[in-house]
N, C-alpha and C. Protein backbone atom coordinates (compact mmCIF):
# COMPACT_ATOMS: atom_id res chain seq x y z
N MET A 1 66.86 18.92 13.42
CA MET A 1 68.13 19.57 13.64
C MET A 1 69.19 18.94 12.76
N SER A 2 70.07 19.77 12.36
CA SER A 2 71.15 19.24 11.54
C SER A 2 72.21 18.58 12.44
N ASN A 3 73.01 17.72 11.83
CA ASN A 3 74.03 16.98 12.60
C ASN A 3 75.07 17.93 13.21
N ALA A 4 75.47 18.98 12.52
CA ALA A 4 76.49 19.91 13.02
C ALA A 4 75.97 20.63 14.25
N LEU A 5 74.73 21.03 14.24
CA LEU A 5 74.15 21.73 15.38
C LEU A 5 74.06 20.80 16.58
N LYS A 6 73.71 19.54 16.32
CA LYS A 6 73.62 18.56 17.41
C LYS A 6 74.99 18.38 18.08
N GLU A 7 75.98 18.28 17.27
CA GLU A 7 77.33 18.07 17.81
C GLU A 7 77.78 19.27 18.64
N GLN A 8 77.45 20.47 18.17
CA GLN A 8 77.85 21.68 18.89
C GLN A 8 77.13 21.76 20.24
N LEU A 9 75.84 21.38 20.28
CA LEU A 9 75.10 21.42 21.54
C LEU A 9 75.63 20.38 22.51
N LEU A 10 75.98 19.19 22.00
CA LEU A 10 76.54 18.16 22.86
C LEU A 10 77.89 18.60 23.44
N LYS A 11 78.76 19.22 22.65
CA LYS A 11 80.08 19.68 23.11
C LYS A 11 79.93 20.79 24.14
N ALA A 12 78.95 21.64 23.94
CA ALA A 12 78.77 22.78 24.85
C ALA A 12 78.10 22.33 26.14
N GLY A 13 77.49 21.15 26.17
CA GLY A 13 76.84 20.63 27.35
C GLY A 13 75.42 21.14 27.52
N LEU A 14 74.91 21.76 26.51
CA LEU A 14 73.54 22.26 26.59
C LEU A 14 72.50 21.15 26.35
N ALA A 15 72.84 20.06 25.77
CA ALA A 15 71.93 18.94 25.54
C ALA A 15 72.68 17.65 25.73
N ASP A 16 71.96 16.61 26.11
CA ASP A 16 72.63 15.31 26.23
C ASP A 16 72.05 14.37 25.17
N ALA A 17 72.69 13.24 24.99
CA ALA A 17 72.34 12.31 23.92
C ALA A 17 70.94 11.72 24.10
N LYS A 18 70.52 11.50 25.34
CA LYS A 18 69.19 10.92 25.60
C LYS A 18 68.09 11.88 25.16
N LYS A 19 68.25 13.17 25.46
CA LYS A 19 67.22 14.13 25.07
C LYS A 19 67.13 14.25 23.55
N LEU A 20 68.27 14.22 22.89
CA LEU A 20 68.27 14.29 21.44
C LEU A 20 67.56 13.08 20.82
N LYS A 21 67.81 11.91 21.40
CA LYS A 21 67.15 10.70 20.91
C LYS A 21 65.65 10.79 21.13
N ALA A 22 65.26 11.30 22.31
CA ALA A 22 63.84 11.43 22.61
C ALA A 22 63.16 12.40 21.65
N VAL A 23 63.80 13.53 21.36
CA VAL A 23 63.24 14.52 20.42
C VAL A 23 63.13 13.91 19.03
N LYS A 24 64.18 13.19 18.62
CA LYS A 24 64.18 12.56 17.30
C LYS A 24 63.06 11.53 17.20
N LYS A 25 62.89 10.74 18.26
CA LYS A 25 61.85 9.72 18.30
C LYS A 25 60.46 10.36 18.23
N GLU A 26 60.26 11.47 18.95
CA GLU A 26 58.97 12.17 18.96
C GLU A 26 58.64 12.73 17.58
N LYS A 27 59.61 13.31 16.91
CA LYS A 27 59.40 13.84 15.56
C LYS A 27 59.04 12.73 14.60
N HIS A 28 59.71 11.60 14.75
CA HIS A 28 59.42 10.45 13.89
C HIS A 28 57.98 9.98 14.09
N LYS A 29 57.55 9.92 15.35
CA LYS A 29 56.16 9.51 15.66
C LYS A 29 55.17 10.48 15.03
N GLN A 30 55.44 11.77 15.09
CA GLN A 30 54.55 12.77 14.53
C GLN A 30 54.45 12.61 13.01
N LYS A 31 55.58 12.33 12.36
CA LYS A 31 55.56 12.11 10.92
C LYS A 31 54.73 10.89 10.55
N VAL A 32 54.90 9.82 11.30
CA VAL A 32 54.15 8.59 11.05
C VAL A 32 52.66 8.82 11.27
N GLN A 33 52.31 9.51 12.35
CA GLN A 33 50.90 9.81 12.66
C GLN A 33 50.29 10.69 11.57
N ALA A 34 51.04 11.67 11.09
CA ALA A 34 50.54 12.57 10.06
C ALA A 34 50.29 11.81 8.76
N GLY A 35 51.09 10.83 8.46
CA GLY A 35 50.93 10.03 7.24
C GLY A 35 49.72 9.11 7.31
N LYS A 36 49.34 8.67 8.50
CA LYS A 36 48.24 7.72 8.65
C LYS A 36 46.87 8.39 8.62
N LYS A 37 46.68 9.51 9.11
CA LYS A 37 45.48 10.34 9.16
C LYS A 37 44.15 9.64 8.88
N GLN A 38 44.14 8.39 8.45
CA GLN A 38 42.91 7.65 8.22
C GLN A 38 42.34 7.20 9.56
N PRO A 39 41.05 7.39 9.74
CA PRO A 39 40.47 6.97 11.02
C PRO A 39 40.49 5.45 11.17
N ILE A 40 40.61 5.04 12.36
CA ILE A 40 40.61 3.60 12.64
C ILE A 40 39.17 3.12 12.57
N VAL A 41 38.94 2.12 11.71
CA VAL A 41 37.59 1.61 11.49
C VAL A 41 37.40 0.36 12.35
N ASN A 42 36.37 0.42 13.15
CA ASN A 42 36.05 -0.73 13.98
C ASN A 42 35.03 -1.58 13.22
N GLU A 43 35.43 -2.73 12.77
CA GLU A 43 34.56 -3.58 11.95
C GLU A 43 33.33 -4.05 12.72
N ALA A 44 33.49 -4.29 13.99
CA ALA A 44 32.36 -4.76 14.79
C ALA A 44 31.27 -3.70 14.87
N SER A 45 31.66 -2.45 15.07
CA SER A 45 30.65 -1.39 15.16
C SER A 45 30.00 -1.14 13.80
N THR A 46 30.76 -1.25 12.72
CA THR A 46 30.20 -1.10 11.38
C THR A 46 29.19 -2.20 11.09
N LEU A 47 29.54 -3.41 11.44
CA LEU A 47 28.65 -4.56 11.24
C LEU A 47 27.39 -4.41 12.09
N ALA A 48 27.55 -3.96 13.31
CA ALA A 48 26.40 -3.75 14.19
C ALA A 48 25.47 -2.67 13.63
N GLU A 49 26.02 -1.61 13.08
CA GLU A 49 25.22 -0.54 12.48
C GLU A 49 24.47 -1.04 11.25
N GLN A 50 25.12 -1.84 10.42
CA GLN A 50 24.45 -2.42 9.25
C GLN A 50 23.29 -3.32 9.68
N THR A 51 23.52 -4.14 10.68
CA THR A 51 22.48 -5.04 11.19
C THR A 51 21.31 -4.22 11.73
N ARG A 52 21.61 -3.15 12.44
CA ARG A 52 20.55 -2.30 13.00
C ARG A 52 19.73 -1.65 11.88
N GLN A 53 20.41 -1.17 10.83
CA GLN A 53 19.70 -0.56 9.69
C GLN A 53 18.82 -1.59 8.97
N GLN A 54 19.33 -2.80 8.82
CA GLN A 54 18.53 -3.86 8.19
C GLN A 54 17.30 -4.18 9.03
N GLN A 55 17.46 -4.22 10.33
CA GLN A 55 16.35 -4.51 11.24
C GLN A 55 15.30 -3.40 11.15
N ILE A 56 15.74 -2.16 11.09
CA ILE A 56 14.81 -1.03 10.96
C ILE A 56 14.01 -1.14 9.66
N GLU A 57 14.68 -1.47 8.57
CA GLU A 57 14.01 -1.62 7.27
C GLU A 57 13.02 -2.78 7.31
N ARG A 58 13.42 -3.89 7.90
CA ARG A 58 12.54 -5.06 8.01
C ARG A 58 11.30 -4.72 8.84
N ASP A 59 11.50 -4.02 9.95
CA ASP A 59 10.38 -3.61 10.80
C ASP A 59 9.44 -2.66 10.06
N ARG A 60 10.01 -1.76 9.27
CA ARG A 60 9.18 -0.82 8.50
C ARG A 60 8.32 -1.57 7.48
N LEU A 61 8.90 -2.55 6.80
CA LEU A 61 8.15 -3.34 5.82
C LEU A 61 7.04 -4.16 6.50
N LEU A 62 7.36 -4.75 7.63
CA LEU A 62 6.34 -5.51 8.36
C LEU A 62 5.21 -4.60 8.82
N ASN A 63 5.55 -3.42 9.26
CA ASN A 63 4.53 -2.46 9.69
C ASN A 63 3.63 -2.06 8.52
N GLN A 64 4.22 -1.86 7.35
CA GLN A 64 3.42 -1.53 6.17
C GLN A 64 2.47 -2.67 5.82
N GLN A 65 2.94 -3.91 5.91
CA GLN A 65 2.09 -5.06 5.62
C GLN A 65 0.94 -5.15 6.62
N LYS A 66 1.23 -4.91 7.88
CA LYS A 66 0.18 -4.96 8.90
C LYS A 66 -0.85 -3.87 8.66
N GLN A 67 -0.37 -2.66 8.31
CA GLN A 67 -1.29 -1.56 8.04
C GLN A 67 -2.17 -1.87 6.83
N ALA A 68 -1.60 -2.48 5.79
CA ALA A 68 -2.38 -2.84 4.61
C ALA A 68 -3.44 -3.89 4.96
N ALA A 69 -3.07 -4.86 5.77
CA ALA A 69 -4.04 -5.89 6.18
C ALA A 69 -5.16 -5.27 7.01
N LEU A 70 -4.82 -4.35 7.90
CA LEU A 70 -5.85 -3.67 8.69
C LEU A 70 -6.76 -2.84 7.80
N GLN A 71 -6.20 -2.20 6.79
CA GLN A 71 -6.99 -1.39 5.86
C GLN A 71 -7.97 -2.28 5.08
N ILE A 72 -7.52 -3.44 4.65
CA ILE A 72 -8.39 -4.37 3.92
C ILE A 72 -9.52 -4.85 4.82
N LYS A 73 -9.21 -5.16 6.08
CA LYS A 73 -10.25 -5.58 7.02
C LYS A 73 -11.26 -4.46 7.26
N ALA A 74 -10.78 -3.24 7.37
CA ALA A 74 -11.67 -2.10 7.61
C ALA A 74 -12.60 -1.88 6.43
N ILE A 75 -12.08 -2.00 5.23
CA ILE A 75 -12.91 -1.84 4.03
C ILE A 75 -13.95 -2.95 3.96
N ALA A 76 -13.55 -4.19 4.25
CA ALA A 76 -14.50 -5.31 4.24
C ALA A 76 -15.61 -5.09 5.27
N ALA A 77 -15.26 -4.55 6.43
CA ALA A 77 -16.26 -4.28 7.46
C ALA A 77 -17.21 -3.17 7.00
N GLN A 78 -16.69 -2.16 6.32
CA GLN A 78 -17.55 -1.09 5.80
C GLN A 78 -18.53 -1.63 4.77
N VAL A 79 -18.03 -2.48 3.87
CA VAL A 79 -18.89 -3.07 2.83
C VAL A 79 -19.96 -3.93 3.47
N LYS A 80 -19.59 -4.74 4.44
CA LYS A 80 -20.54 -5.60 5.13
C LYS A 80 -21.63 -4.76 5.80
N GLN A 81 -21.23 -3.68 6.44
CA GLN A 81 -22.20 -2.82 7.11
C GLN A 81 -23.13 -2.15 6.09
N LEU A 82 -22.56 -1.67 4.97
CA LEU A 82 -23.40 -1.05 3.94
C LEU A 82 -24.44 -2.04 3.40
N ILE A 83 -24.03 -3.27 3.19
CA ILE A 83 -24.95 -4.28 2.67
C ILE A 83 -25.99 -4.63 3.72
N ASP A 84 -25.56 -4.83 4.97
CA ASP A 84 -26.51 -5.20 6.03
C ASP A 84 -27.56 -4.12 6.26
N VAL A 85 -27.14 -2.87 6.26
CA VAL A 85 -28.06 -1.78 6.57
C VAL A 85 -29.01 -1.49 5.41
N ASN A 86 -28.56 -1.65 4.18
CA ASN A 86 -29.34 -1.21 3.02
C ASN A 86 -29.94 -2.34 2.20
N THR A 87 -29.96 -3.54 2.70
CA THR A 87 -30.50 -4.66 1.95
C THR A 87 -32.01 -4.52 1.78
N ILE A 88 -32.44 -4.81 0.56
CA ILE A 88 -33.87 -4.84 0.24
C ILE A 88 -34.25 -6.31 0.08
N LYS A 89 -35.32 -6.72 0.74
CA LYS A 89 -35.75 -8.12 0.67
C LYS A 89 -36.12 -8.47 -0.76
N ALA A 90 -35.57 -9.55 -1.25
CA ALA A 90 -35.86 -10.03 -2.61
C ALA A 90 -36.88 -11.14 -2.52
N LEU A 91 -38.12 -10.76 -2.36
CA LEU A 91 -39.19 -11.74 -2.28
C LEU A 91 -40.09 -11.58 -3.49
N GLY A 92 -40.27 -12.61 -4.23
CA GLY A 92 -41.12 -12.54 -5.41
C GLY A 92 -41.10 -13.85 -6.16
N ASP A 93 -41.79 -13.86 -7.26
CA ASP A 93 -41.89 -15.07 -8.04
C ASP A 93 -41.30 -14.91 -9.44
N VAL A 94 -40.73 -13.73 -9.74
CA VAL A 94 -40.12 -13.51 -11.05
C VAL A 94 -38.62 -13.78 -10.92
N ALA A 95 -38.11 -14.62 -11.77
CA ALA A 95 -36.68 -14.96 -11.73
C ALA A 95 -35.87 -13.91 -12.46
N TYR A 96 -34.85 -13.41 -11.80
CA TYR A 96 -33.92 -12.48 -12.44
C TYR A 96 -32.60 -13.22 -12.60
N ASN A 97 -32.20 -13.45 -13.84
CA ASN A 97 -30.96 -14.17 -14.13
C ASN A 97 -29.82 -13.18 -14.32
N PHE A 98 -28.68 -13.52 -13.77
CA PHE A 98 -27.48 -12.68 -13.88
C PHE A 98 -26.26 -13.58 -13.83
N THR A 99 -25.14 -13.02 -14.23
CA THR A 99 -23.90 -13.81 -14.22
C THR A 99 -22.99 -13.34 -13.09
N ASP A 100 -22.40 -14.30 -12.45
CA ASP A 100 -21.39 -14.04 -11.43
C ASP A 100 -20.16 -14.81 -11.87
N SER A 101 -19.15 -14.10 -12.32
CA SER A 101 -17.97 -14.67 -12.95
C SER A 101 -18.43 -15.38 -14.21
N LYS A 102 -18.32 -16.70 -14.23
CA LYS A 102 -18.73 -17.46 -15.40
C LYS A 102 -20.02 -18.23 -15.15
N LEU A 103 -20.57 -18.09 -13.95
CA LEU A 103 -21.77 -18.83 -13.59
C LEU A 103 -23.02 -17.98 -13.77
N VAL A 104 -24.10 -18.61 -14.22
CA VAL A 104 -25.38 -17.93 -14.32
C VAL A 104 -26.14 -18.22 -13.03
N LYS A 105 -26.54 -17.15 -12.37
CA LYS A 105 -27.26 -17.27 -11.10
C LYS A 105 -28.67 -16.74 -11.28
N ARG A 106 -29.55 -17.10 -10.35
CA ARG A 106 -30.95 -16.69 -10.42
C ARG A 106 -31.36 -16.16 -9.05
N LEU A 107 -32.07 -15.05 -9.06
CA LEU A 107 -32.59 -14.45 -7.84
C LEU A 107 -34.06 -14.16 -8.09
N TYR A 108 -34.93 -14.62 -7.19
CA TYR A 108 -36.37 -14.41 -7.35
C TYR A 108 -36.75 -13.08 -6.69
N VAL A 109 -37.31 -12.20 -7.52
CA VAL A 109 -37.68 -10.86 -7.09
C VAL A 109 -39.12 -10.57 -7.53
N SER A 110 -39.65 -9.47 -7.02
CA SER A 110 -40.99 -9.06 -7.46
C SER A 110 -40.88 -8.40 -8.83
N LYS A 111 -42.02 -8.19 -9.46
CA LYS A 111 -42.03 -7.57 -10.79
C LYS A 111 -41.45 -6.15 -10.72
N LYS A 112 -41.79 -5.40 -9.67
CA LYS A 112 -41.28 -4.04 -9.50
C LYS A 112 -39.76 -4.05 -9.33
N GLN A 113 -39.25 -4.97 -8.51
CA GLN A 113 -37.81 -5.08 -8.29
C GLN A 113 -37.10 -5.48 -9.59
N HIS A 114 -37.73 -6.36 -10.35
CA HIS A 114 -37.16 -6.79 -11.62
C HIS A 114 -37.01 -5.59 -12.55
N ASP A 115 -38.05 -4.77 -12.60
CA ASP A 115 -38.03 -3.58 -13.43
C ASP A 115 -36.95 -2.60 -12.95
N GLU A 116 -36.83 -2.41 -11.64
CA GLU A 116 -35.82 -1.50 -11.09
C GLU A 116 -34.40 -2.01 -11.31
N LEU A 117 -34.22 -3.32 -11.25
CA LEU A 117 -32.91 -3.90 -11.56
C LEU A 117 -32.55 -3.63 -13.02
N SER A 118 -33.51 -3.78 -13.91
CA SER A 118 -33.26 -3.58 -15.33
C SER A 118 -32.93 -2.12 -15.64
N ARG A 119 -33.59 -1.20 -14.94
CA ARG A 119 -33.38 0.22 -15.21
C ARG A 119 -32.17 0.78 -14.46
N GLY A 120 -31.55 0.02 -13.60
CA GLY A 120 -30.36 0.48 -12.89
C GLY A 120 -30.67 1.20 -11.59
N LEU A 121 -31.88 1.04 -11.06
CA LEU A 121 -32.22 1.65 -9.78
C LEU A 121 -31.84 0.76 -8.60
N LEU A 122 -31.76 -0.52 -8.85
CA LEU A 122 -31.31 -1.48 -7.85
C LEU A 122 -30.08 -2.22 -8.39
N ALA A 123 -29.34 -2.80 -7.48
CA ALA A 123 -28.16 -3.57 -7.86
C ALA A 123 -28.11 -4.83 -7.01
N ILE A 124 -27.29 -5.77 -7.45
CA ILE A 124 -27.10 -7.01 -6.70
C ILE A 124 -25.67 -7.02 -6.17
N ALA A 125 -25.58 -7.18 -4.85
CA ALA A 125 -24.28 -7.24 -4.18
C ALA A 125 -24.06 -8.66 -3.66
N LYS A 126 -22.80 -9.06 -3.64
CA LYS A 126 -22.45 -10.40 -3.18
C LYS A 126 -21.61 -10.29 -1.91
N GLN A 127 -22.03 -11.10 -0.92
CA GLN A 127 -21.27 -11.16 0.33
C GLN A 127 -21.32 -12.58 0.86
N ASP A 128 -20.19 -13.17 1.06
CA ASP A 128 -20.10 -14.54 1.58
C ASP A 128 -20.97 -15.51 0.79
N GLU A 129 -20.84 -15.48 -0.53
CA GLU A 129 -21.57 -16.38 -1.44
C GLU A 129 -23.09 -16.20 -1.38
N GLN A 130 -23.56 -15.08 -0.85
CA GLN A 130 -24.98 -14.76 -0.85
C GLN A 130 -25.17 -13.48 -1.63
N TYR A 131 -26.37 -13.34 -2.20
CA TYR A 131 -26.67 -12.19 -3.03
C TYR A 131 -27.75 -11.34 -2.36
N PHE A 132 -27.58 -10.02 -2.42
CA PHE A 132 -28.49 -9.09 -1.78
C PHE A 132 -28.86 -7.98 -2.75
N LEU A 133 -30.09 -7.51 -2.66
CA LEU A 133 -30.52 -6.35 -3.43
C LEU A 133 -30.21 -5.09 -2.63
N VAL A 134 -29.57 -4.13 -3.28
CA VAL A 134 -29.26 -2.85 -2.64
C VAL A 134 -29.59 -1.73 -3.62
N PRO A 135 -29.89 -0.54 -3.11
CA PRO A 135 -30.12 0.60 -4.00
C PRO A 135 -28.86 0.94 -4.81
N ALA A 136 -29.03 1.56 -5.95
CA ALA A 136 -27.91 1.85 -6.86
C ALA A 136 -26.90 2.79 -6.22
N ASN A 137 -27.37 3.80 -5.47
CA ASN A 137 -26.42 4.73 -4.86
C ASN A 137 -25.54 4.03 -3.81
N VAL A 138 -26.12 3.09 -3.09
CA VAL A 138 -25.34 2.30 -2.12
C VAL A 138 -24.37 1.38 -2.87
N ALA A 139 -24.82 0.83 -3.98
CA ALA A 139 -23.96 -0.05 -4.78
C ALA A 139 -22.75 0.71 -5.30
N GLU A 140 -22.93 1.98 -5.64
CA GLU A 140 -21.79 2.79 -6.10
C GLU A 140 -20.79 3.01 -4.96
N LYS A 141 -21.30 3.23 -3.75
CA LYS A 141 -20.41 3.39 -2.59
C LYS A 141 -19.64 2.10 -2.33
N ILE A 142 -20.35 0.98 -2.43
CA ILE A 142 -19.70 -0.32 -2.23
C ILE A 142 -18.65 -0.55 -3.31
N SER A 143 -18.99 -0.21 -4.53
CA SER A 143 -18.08 -0.40 -5.66
C SER A 143 -16.80 0.42 -5.50
N GLN A 144 -16.92 1.60 -4.92
CA GLN A 144 -15.73 2.43 -4.68
C GLN A 144 -14.80 1.76 -3.68
N ARG A 145 -15.35 1.06 -2.72
CA ARG A 145 -14.53 0.43 -1.69
C ARG A 145 -14.04 -0.95 -2.11
N GLN A 146 -14.95 -1.73 -2.69
CA GLN A 146 -14.63 -3.12 -3.04
C GLN A 146 -15.43 -3.49 -4.28
N SER A 147 -14.84 -3.29 -5.44
CA SER A 147 -15.58 -3.43 -6.69
C SER A 147 -16.06 -4.85 -6.97
N ASP A 148 -15.40 -5.85 -6.44
CA ASP A 148 -15.82 -7.22 -6.72
C ASP A 148 -17.05 -7.65 -5.92
N SER A 149 -17.53 -6.80 -5.01
CA SER A 149 -18.73 -7.13 -4.24
C SER A 149 -20.01 -6.84 -5.02
N ILE A 150 -19.95 -5.99 -6.02
CA ILE A 150 -21.12 -5.66 -6.83
C ILE A 150 -21.13 -6.59 -8.04
N VAL A 151 -22.22 -7.37 -8.16
CA VAL A 151 -22.33 -8.32 -9.25
C VAL A 151 -23.10 -7.70 -10.41
N VAL A 152 -24.21 -7.03 -10.11
CA VAL A 152 -25.04 -6.43 -11.15
C VAL A 152 -25.33 -4.98 -10.77
N LEU A 153 -24.98 -4.08 -11.67
CA LEU A 153 -25.35 -2.68 -11.54
C LEU A 153 -25.52 -2.14 -12.95
N ASN A 154 -26.76 -2.14 -13.41
CA ASN A 154 -27.04 -1.68 -14.76
C ASN A 154 -26.96 -0.16 -14.82
N VAL A 155 -26.63 0.34 -15.98
CA VAL A 155 -26.54 1.78 -16.19
C VAL A 155 -27.95 2.35 -16.24
N LYS A 156 -28.16 3.44 -15.51
CA LYS A 156 -29.47 4.07 -15.50
C LYS A 156 -29.81 4.57 -16.89
N GLN A 157 -31.03 4.32 -17.29
CA GLN A 157 -31.47 4.77 -18.61
C GLN A 157 -32.02 6.18 -18.50
N GLN A 158 -31.75 6.96 -19.52
CA GLN A 158 -32.28 8.31 -19.54
C GLN A 158 -33.71 8.28 -20.05
N GLN A 159 -34.47 9.29 -19.67
CA GLN A 159 -35.85 9.39 -20.13
C GLN A 159 -35.85 9.57 -21.64
N LEU A 160 -36.86 9.00 -22.28
CA LEU A 160 -36.95 9.09 -23.73
C LEU A 160 -37.31 10.52 -24.14
N ASP A 161 -36.71 10.96 -25.20
CA ASP A 161 -36.98 12.28 -25.74
C ASP A 161 -38.28 12.21 -26.55
N GLU A 162 -39.11 13.22 -26.43
CA GLU A 162 -40.40 13.22 -27.14
C GLU A 162 -40.22 13.29 -28.64
N ASP A 163 -39.15 13.90 -29.11
CA ASP A 163 -38.91 14.03 -30.54
C ASP A 163 -38.04 12.91 -31.09
N ASP A 164 -37.90 11.86 -30.34
CA ASP A 164 -37.06 10.74 -30.75
C ASP A 164 -37.70 10.02 -31.93
N PRO A 165 -36.99 9.93 -33.07
CA PRO A 165 -37.59 9.26 -34.23
C PRO A 165 -37.71 7.74 -34.05
N TYR A 166 -36.97 7.18 -33.09
CA TYR A 166 -37.03 5.75 -32.88
C TYR A 166 -37.87 5.38 -31.66
N ALA A 167 -38.73 6.27 -31.24
CA ALA A 167 -39.55 6.03 -30.06
C ALA A 167 -40.47 4.83 -30.25
N ASP A 168 -40.90 4.58 -31.46
CA ASP A 168 -41.79 3.46 -31.73
C ASP A 168 -41.06 2.12 -31.73
N TYR A 169 -39.74 2.13 -31.79
CA TYR A 169 -38.94 0.91 -31.87
C TYR A 169 -38.17 0.69 -30.58
N LYS A 170 -38.87 0.39 -29.54
CA LYS A 170 -38.22 0.18 -28.25
C LYS A 170 -37.54 -1.18 -28.21
N ILE A 171 -36.38 -1.17 -27.63
CA ILE A 171 -35.65 -2.43 -27.46
C ILE A 171 -35.74 -2.80 -25.98
N PRO A 172 -36.34 -3.92 -25.67
CA PRO A 172 -36.47 -4.29 -24.26
C PRO A 172 -35.11 -4.69 -23.70
N ASP A 173 -34.81 -4.16 -22.53
CA ASP A 173 -33.54 -4.51 -21.90
C ASP A 173 -33.73 -5.49 -20.75
N ASP A 174 -34.95 -5.87 -20.50
CA ASP A 174 -35.22 -6.80 -19.41
C ASP A 174 -35.71 -8.13 -19.96
N LEU A 175 -35.12 -8.57 -21.03
CA LEU A 175 -35.52 -9.84 -21.63
C LEU A 175 -35.28 -10.99 -20.65
N MET A 176 -36.17 -11.89 -20.63
CA MET A 176 -36.01 -13.08 -19.78
C MET A 176 -35.21 -14.11 -20.58
N TRP A 177 -34.19 -14.67 -20.00
CA TRP A 177 -33.40 -15.66 -20.70
C TRP A 177 -33.12 -16.84 -19.85
C-alpha cells in the first residue's frame, strides 16, 4: 500500500496502526521466504545417506568375492570328481617322461598306455601333487574347467593317407628320453 492510502485509512478509522504493521511485516516475511526458495539441507541426513550407500557398495563387493570363491571351490570339486571317476591305473614297467612346469617327471605305464599317451588317446592330470591317467575326452572337460590340472594331452594324430609320399619316412613321436 502506498503511504497516502495508509494515511487516509487511518484518518477514516477503517484501519489501525497495529494492523498495518502486521500486514507490512507479513509481506516482508513473504518476500524473504520467496527469495530463499532453497531447500534446507540437513547435513546429518546427507552424511547418513552417503554412509548407507558406501555400506551397500561394500556389501555388494564382498558378496561378489564370496560368490567367486564358491565358484572356484565348485570347479575344483568338479575336477576332483572327474579325475576320481575316470582314472586309469598306471601300472607297468615302461617309463613315460613328461614335464610339469620346469620339472621332468616320470610315470610308469604299460606299453599300450605309453602308445595311447603318445597318440593323444590318454592324458596325464595332476591333482594334489599326484599324477593320474585319464581318457583324452575327460582331459578336455577338465581343461575347460581348470586348465592347469592337465599336464600332458598330446594332439591326436590323423590316420596316414595311403597316397602319402612320405609314408616311408615316419618320425617317431614316442621317443624315449
